[in-house]
Amino acid sequence: MIKDQESFKICSLKFHSNDEGILQYVFWQTQQMKDIFRSYCKLISVDSTFNLNRSGYALNIIVTIDANNQTRICAFGLVANDKRTDIITDFFEWFNSENLNYPNIRTIITDKNQSQIDVLRTIYPYADITLCLFHVFKSMKLETRKKLPSYVLEEMRGI
């Protein structure tokens, strides 16, 4: 795969293992993803899956919105720990090195991962960072359920 990548520039790829040989992350971006970001780089959204594969790695995705209001993927990162600031920093520094128009990013939408927000504020100090409404409402719902008895919630919903 590395040989193919070098010969045909199929995709940009970066990976890192720890001293014990355990994969810490792999990042990749196809040429098509680069072209999409080149065209639609003012807004990105960053999200991570949580424990959706057997290995327990988080899948980080950077997406943008095209002219037809469609979500378009710009890059992937499979990471052992999406809370580690060194891995998050490596991901965005790698992304920037592959996409030289990254200074055009003006808005970043993300979830409530504070480590990620801190890194984004450092790497993109000129961009507005905002929380995803889906994640905000999901957190509100979970916290409300923790703090209020079920009969109060049912009463509020008119049940």
Protein backbone atom coordinates (compact mmCIF):
# COMPACT_ATOMS: atom_id res chain seq x y z
CA MET A 1 0.00 0.00 0.00
CA ILE A 2 2.83 2.42 0.82
CA LYS A 3 4.43 1.65 -2.56
CA ASP A 4 1.12 2.27 -4.34
CA GLN A 5 0.68 5.51 -2.43
CA GLU A 6 4.10 6.75 -3.51
CA SER A 7 3.66 5.65 -7.13
CA PHE A 8 0.13 6.87 -7.74
CA LYS A 9 -0.52 9.36 -4.94
CA ILE A 10 -3.68 7.44 -4.08
CA CYS A 11 -3.82 9.04 -0.66
CA SER A 12 -1.84 10.83 1.99
CA LEU A 13 -1.16 8.60 4.94
CA LYS A 14 0.47 8.97 8.33
CA PHE A 15 0.66 6.40 11.11
CA HIS A 16 2.45 6.02 14.42
CA SER A 17 3.07 3.15 16.84
CA ASN A 18 4.26 3.39 20.42
CA ASP A 19 7.48 1.80 21.74
CA GLU A 20 5.68 -1.53 22.20
CA GLY A 21 4.61 -1.55 18.54
CA ILE A 22 0.96 -0.81 19.27
CA LEU A 23 -0.68 1.40 16.67
CA GLN A 24 -1.54 4.79 18.17
CA TYR A 25 -3.07 6.34 15.06
CA VAL A 26 -3.40 6.25 11.33
CA PHE A 27 -4.56 9.30 9.36
CA TRP A 28 -5.51 9.31 5.69
CA GLN A 29 -6.89 11.58 3.00
CA THR A 30 -7.54 10.81 -0.67
CA GLN A 31 -6.88 13.26 -3.47
CA GLN A 32 -10.64 13.66 -3.88
CA MET A 33 -10.91 14.65 -0.21
CA LYS A 34 -8.15 17.23 -0.72
CA ASP A 35 -9.98 18.63 -3.76
CA ILE A 36 -13.19 18.91 -1.74
CA PHE A 37 -11.43 20.77 1.07
CA ARG A 38 -9.70 23.06 -1.43
CA SER A 39 -13.14 24.06 -2.77
CA TYR A 40 -15.03 24.24 0.54
CA CYS A 41 -12.59 25.14 3.28
CA LYS A 42 -14.29 27.90 5.27
CA LEU A 43 -16.19 25.56 7.58
CA ILE A 44 -15.21 22.16 8.94
CA SER A 45 -16.90 19.85 11.38
CA VAL A 46 -14.91 17.39 13.47
CA ASP A 47 -16.51 14.36 15.06
CA SER A 48 -15.41 11.06 16.56
CA THR A 49 -17.09 7.72 16.93
CA PHE A 50 -16.85 6.09 20.32
CA ASN A 51 -16.07 2.38 20.74
CA LEU A 52 -17.68 1.31 17.46
CA ASN A 53 -15.03 -1.22 16.46
CA ARG A 54 -13.54 -4.31 18.08
CA SER A 55 -10.22 -2.60 18.75
CA GLY A 56 -11.76 0.30 20.66
CA TYR A 57 -10.18 2.89 18.37
CA ALA A 58 -12.04 6.13 17.75
CA LEU A 59 -12.67 7.16 14.16
CA ASN A 60 -12.15 10.91 13.75
CA ILE A 61 -13.70 12.52 10.70
CA ILE A 62 -13.21 16.01 9.30
CA VAL A 63 -16.08 17.07 7.04
CA THR A 64 -17.17 20.18 5.22
CA ILE A 65 -20.37 21.30 3.50
CA ASP A 66 -20.40 21.70 -0.30
CA ALA A 67 -22.37 24.14 -2.47
CA ASN A 68 -25.36 21.75 -2.48
CA ASN A 69 -25.43 21.71 1.35
CA GLN A 70 -24.13 18.13 1.36
CA THR A 71 -21.68 16.84 3.95
CA ARG A 72 -18.36 15.92 2.30
CA ILE A 73 -15.56 14.01 4.02
CA CYS A 74 -12.14 15.72 4.05
CA ALA A 75 -10.02 13.35 6.19
CA PHE A 76 -10.10 10.35 8.51
CA GLY A 77 -8.10 9.46 11.59
CA LEU A 78 -8.26 6.15 13.44
CA VAL A 79 -6.88 6.81 16.93
CA ALA A 80 -6.25 4.75 20.05
CA ASN A 81 -7.21 7.62 22.37
CA ASP A 82 -9.13 10.65 21.12
CA LYS A 83 -8.58 12.50 24.43
CA ARG A 84 -4.77 12.63 24.14
CA THR A 85 -3.79 16.12 23.06
CA ASP A 86 -0.57 14.91 21.41
CA ILE A 87 -2.53 12.64 19.05
CA ILE A 88 -5.16 15.30 18.35
CA THR A 89 -2.40 17.83 17.67
CA ASP A 90 -0.64 15.41 15.30
CA PHE A 91 -3.92 14.87 13.43
CA PHE A 92 -4.55 18.55 12.77
CA GLU A 93 -0.91 19.41 12.09
CA TRP A 94 -0.81 16.57 9.56
CA PHE A 95 -4.10 17.81 8.03
CA ASN A 96 -2.65 21.31 7.70
CA SER A 97 0.54 20.01 6.07
CA GLU A 98 -1.59 18.20 3.48
CA ASN A 99 -3.96 21.14 2.89
CA LEU A 100 -2.09 24.40 2.55
CA ASN A 101 -5.33 26.41 2.34
CA TYR A 102 -6.16 25.54 5.98
CA PRO A 103 -5.81 29.23 7.04
CA ASN A 104 -9.11 29.81 5.19
CA ILE A 105 -10.99 27.83 7.85
CA ARG A 106 -13.26 30.32 9.62
CA THR A 107 -15.64 28.08 11.58
CA ILE A 108 -15.10 24.72 13.27
CA ILE A 109 -18.00 22.70 14.65
CA THR A 110 -17.07 20.04 17.18
CA ASP A 111 -18.44 17.95 20.02
CA LYS A 112 -17.79 18.47 23.73
CA ASN A 113 -14.34 16.82 23.76
CA GLN A 114 -12.47 19.48 25.76
CA SER A 115 -9.04 18.14 24.74
CA GLN A 116 -9.99 18.56 21.10
CA ILE A 117 -11.39 22.05 21.66
CA ASP A 118 -8.18 23.14 23.40
CA VAL A 119 -6.05 21.85 20.51
CA LEU A 120 -8.31 23.47 17.91
CA ARG A 121 -8.09 26.83 19.70
CA THR A 122 -4.29 26.59 19.62
CA ILE A 123 -3.91 25.44 16.01
CA TYR A 124 -6.70 27.62 14.56
CA PRO A 125 -6.74 30.75 16.75
CA TYR A 126 -8.43 32.79 14.00
CA ALA A 127 -11.40 30.38 13.62
CA ASP A 128 -14.67 30.42 15.54
CA ILE A 129 -15.15 27.14 17.40
CA THR A 130 -18.71 26.16 18.13
CA LEU A 131 -20.38 23.11 19.61
CA CYS A 132 -22.54 20.82 17.50
CA LEU A 133 -26.22 21.24 18.43
CA PHE A 134 -26.80 17.48 18.24
CA HIS A 135 -24.13 16.92 20.89
CA VAL A 136 -25.36 19.83 23.02
CA PHE A 137 -28.93 18.49 23.07
CA LYS A 138 -27.71 14.95 23.71
CA SER A 139 -25.68 16.14 26.72
CA MET A 140 -28.59 18.20 28.02
CA LYS A 141 -30.89 15.19 27.80
CA LEU A 142 -28.43 12.94 29.64
CA GLU A 143 -27.75 15.48 32.37
CA THR A 144 -31.45 16.22 32.80
CA ARG A 145 -32.19 12.52 33.25
CA LYS A 146 -29.46 12.31 35.89
CA LYS A 147 -30.71 15.28 37.89
CA LEU A 148 -34.51 15.06 37.68
CA PRO A 149 -36.73 12.20 38.80
CA SER A 150 -38.62 10.44 36.00
CA TYR A 151 -42.03 11.67 37.21
CA VAL A 152 -40.87 15.31 36.82
CA LEU A 153 -39.64 14.62 33.28
CA GLU A 154 -42.92 12.92 32.41
CA GLU A 155 -44.83 15.89 33.83
CA MET A 156 -42.72 18.30 31.77
CA ARG A 157 -43.48 16.28 28.62
CA GLY A 158 -47.20 16.19 29.47
CA ILE A 159 -47.36 12.45 30.05
